[in-house]
Protein backbone atom coordinates (compact mmCIF):
# COMPACT_ATOMS: atom_id res chain seq x y z
CA MET A 1 8.53 -45.10 15.63
CA LYS A 2 10.71 -43.24 12.89
CA GLU A 3 13.84 -45.10 12.15
CA ASN A 4 16.80 -42.91 11.82
CA ASN A 5 17.31 -43.35 8.34
CA ARG A 6 13.87 -42.68 7.13
CA GLU A 7 12.51 -39.36 6.34
CA GLU A 8 9.02 -38.75 8.18
CA PHE A 9 6.21 -38.19 5.69
CA HIS A 10 4.24 -34.96 5.81
CA THR A 11 1.43 -33.64 3.84
CA PHE A 12 2.49 -30.30 1.71
CA ARG A 13 1.03 -28.32 4.27
CA GLY A 14 3.31 -30.01 6.88
CA TYR A 15 6.26 -29.52 4.72
CA THR A 16 5.51 -25.73 4.03
CA LEU A 17 4.90 -25.02 7.96
CA ALA A 18 8.08 -27.12 8.76
CA GLN A 19 9.83 -24.79 6.35
CA PHE A 20 8.50 -21.93 7.78
CA ALA A 21 9.50 -22.83 11.27
CA ARG A 22 13.16 -23.21 10.49
CA ASP A 23 12.86 -19.85 9.32
CA ASP A 24 12.69 -18.64 12.73
CA LEU A 25 10.22 -16.01 12.27
CA SER A 26 9.50 -13.85 15.62
CA ALA A 27 6.09 -12.99 16.85
CA SER A 28 6.63 -9.43 15.54
CA MET A 29 7.68 -10.73 12.02
CA GLU A 30 4.64 -13.05 12.13
CA ASP A 31 2.22 -10.01 13.03
CA TYR A 32 3.69 -7.92 9.97
CA LEU A 33 3.38 -10.67 7.44
CA GLU A 34 -0.26 -11.22 8.65
CA MET A 35 -1.14 -7.55 8.41
CA ILE A 36 0.73 -7.23 4.98
CA TYR A 37 -1.23 -10.14 3.74
CA ARG A 38 -4.61 -8.75 5.13
CA LEU A 39 -3.96 -5.33 3.82
CA SER A 40 -2.83 -6.55 0.46
CA ARG A 41 -5.44 -9.13 -0.53
CA GLY A 42 -7.27 -6.34 -2.66
CA GLU A 43 -4.45 -4.80 -4.47
CA GLY A 44 -1.86 -6.94 -4.22
CA GLN A 45 0.47 -4.43 -2.68
CA ILE A 46 1.07 -1.71 -0.01
CA ARG A 47 2.87 1.14 1.02
CA VAL A 48 5.02 1.70 4.19
CA ASN A 49 2.62 4.31 5.71
CA ASP A 50 -0.29 1.81 5.34
CA LEU A 51 1.27 -0.79 7.24
CA ALA A 52 2.53 1.72 9.72
CA ARG A 53 -0.84 2.95 10.29
CA ALA A 54 -2.47 -0.66 10.41
CA LEU A 55 0.12 -1.50 13.22
CA ASN A 56 0.27 1.51 15.09
CA VAL A 57 3.85 1.91 14.82
CA GLN A 58 6.32 4.47 13.18
CA PRO A 59 7.42 4.07 9.51
CA PRO A 60 11.19 3.61 10.37
CA SER A 61 10.25 0.46 12.35
CA VAL A 62 8.20 -0.63 9.12
CA THR A 63 10.94 -0.01 6.96
CA LYS A 64 13.31 -2.10 9.06
CA MET A 65 11.02 -4.97 9.52
CA VAL A 66 10.10 -5.09 5.82
CA LYS A 67 13.97 -4.96 5.07
CA LYS A 68 14.38 -8.22 7.43
CA LEU A 69 11.13 -9.94 5.71
CA ALA A 70 12.32 -9.09 2.28
CA GLY A 71 15.94 -10.87 3.25
CA LYS A 72 13.99 -14.07 4.12
CA GLY A 73 12.26 -14.05 0.83
CA PHE A 74 8.68 -13.41 2.00
CA LEU A 75 8.42 -9.99 0.23
CA GLU A 76 9.62 -7.65 -2.45
CA TYR A 77 10.38 -4.03 -1.41
CA GLU A 78 12.35 -1.24 -2.93
CA ARG A 79 13.02 2.07 -1.05
CA TYR A 80 10.06 4.30 -0.91
CA GLY A 81 8.22 1.59 -3.22
CA VAL A 82 5.59 -0.71 -2.68
CA ILE A 83 5.50 -3.82 -0.54
CA GLN A 84 4.47 -6.83 -2.37
CA LEU A 85 4.08 -10.56 -0.87
CA THR A 86 6.27 -12.98 -2.81
CA ASP A 87 4.57 -16.66 -3.25
CA THR A 88 6.00 -17.71 -0.10
CA GLY A 89 5.17 -14.61 1.90
CA ARG A 90 1.54 -14.88 0.43
CA GLU A 91 1.37 -18.53 1.80
CA MET A 92 2.69 -17.89 5.01
CA GLY A 93 0.50 -14.83 5.49
CA ARG A 94 -2.55 -16.70 4.33
CA TYR A 95 -1.45 -19.62 6.92
CA LEU A 96 -1.06 -16.51 9.96
CA LEU A 97 -4.50 -14.97 9.03
CA ASP A 98 -5.98 -18.73 9.23
CA ARG A 99 -4.44 -19.65 12.56
CA HIS A 100 -5.41 -16.06 13.86
CA ASN A 101 -9.29 -16.33 12.81
CA MET A 102 -9.33 -20.21 13.80
CA LEU A 103 -7.96 -19.01 17.14
CA GLU A 104 -10.25 -15.98 17.57
CA GLU A 105 -13.23 -18.62 16.62
CA PHE A 106 -12.18 -20.94 19.02
CA LEU A 107 -11.90 -18.65 22.01
CA ARG A 108 -15.52 -17.41 20.97
CA LEU A 109 -17.04 -20.99 20.97
CA ILE A 110 -15.54 -21.90 24.47
CA GLY A 111 -17.11 -18.42 25.58
CA VAL A 112 -14.33 -16.01 26.08
CA LYS A 113 -15.90 -12.59 25.79
CA ARG A 114 -13.25 -10.18 27.16
CA ARG A 115 -9.91 -9.19 25.68
CA LEU A 116 -10.43 -11.54 22.77
CA LEU A 117 -8.13 -10.27 20.51
CA GLU A 118 -5.30 -9.80 23.12
CA ASN A 119 -5.97 -13.35 24.31
CA VAL A 120 -5.69 -14.42 20.54
CA GLU A 121 -2.12 -12.48 20.25
CA ARG A 122 -0.96 -14.23 23.29
CA ILE A 123 -1.70 -17.58 22.12
CA GLU A 124 -1.02 -17.42 18.45
CA HIS A 125 2.85 -16.99 18.76
CA ASN A 126 3.42 -19.67 20.85
CA LEU A 127 1.71 -22.87 19.19
CA THR A 128 3.68 -25.39 17.50
CA PRO A 129 2.62 -26.25 13.83
CA GLU A 130 1.19 -29.77 15.50
CA ALA A 131 -1.08 -27.94 18.33
CA THR A 132 -2.13 -25.47 15.53
CA GLN A 133 -3.07 -28.41 13.24
CA CYS A 134 -4.94 -29.95 16.30
CA LEU A 135 -6.99 -26.89 17.12
CA PHE A 136 -7.95 -26.39 13.43
CA ASN A 137 -9.41 -29.76 13.77
CA LEU A 138 -11.03 -29.20 17.04
CA VAL A 139 -12.84 -25.92 15.68
CA ASP A 140 -14.05 -27.90 12.72
CA TYR A 141 -15.57 -30.45 14.94
CA LEU A 142 -17.30 -28.02 16.94
CA ARG A 143 -18.26 -26.34 13.82
CA GLN A 144 -20.17 -29.74 12.96
CA CYS A 145 -21.23 -29.91 16.45
CA PRO A 146 -22.39 -26.89 17.30
CA GLU A 147 -24.20 -28.18 20.54
CA ILE A 148 -21.17 -28.75 22.24
CA GLY A 149 -19.75 -25.40 21.42
CA ALA A 150 -23.11 -23.97 23.00
CA GLU A 151 -22.42 -26.11 26.09
CA LEU A 152 -19.01 -24.73 26.61
CA SER A 153 -19.77 -21.17 25.98
CA ARG A 154 -22.99 -21.78 28.63
CA GLN A 155 -20.35 -23.61 31.07
CA SER A 156 -18.05 -20.22 30.58
CA ALA A 157 -20.74 -18.21 31.51
CA ASP A 158 -21.98 -19.85 34.52
CA GLY A 159 -18.70 -20.37 35.85
């Protein structure tokens, strides 16, 4: 049990996630950060139109969100210029992409075949950092024990 005057210990990632949680990112902000991270991995920067195409939204919507994310310190942006993630933005983007990929793998492992990406999107923004970490651990376990994942998938197909 935690004493009132003692701080709880976390790993570096735990502290980072706690900080991100305090930043109150909406699901839409998370989607933008994840996509900016995906698109910028090669060149390190992208433009508003690139992001608008990738997310199937209009450029003015992108500009509005980019300004919000820049205000929170996740990226740097100058009007009509390029979008670049800050170190914090890059770390958050990597975490969001890892979470997305883990959930996609988890759903595949348990036999979800239809509307996979829709299910990932519906789940990923509603998990606490603790639940997310538990799912990361479970997916790692299922990778180490592929027979369990195969059985889950088989039961899903039968049921």
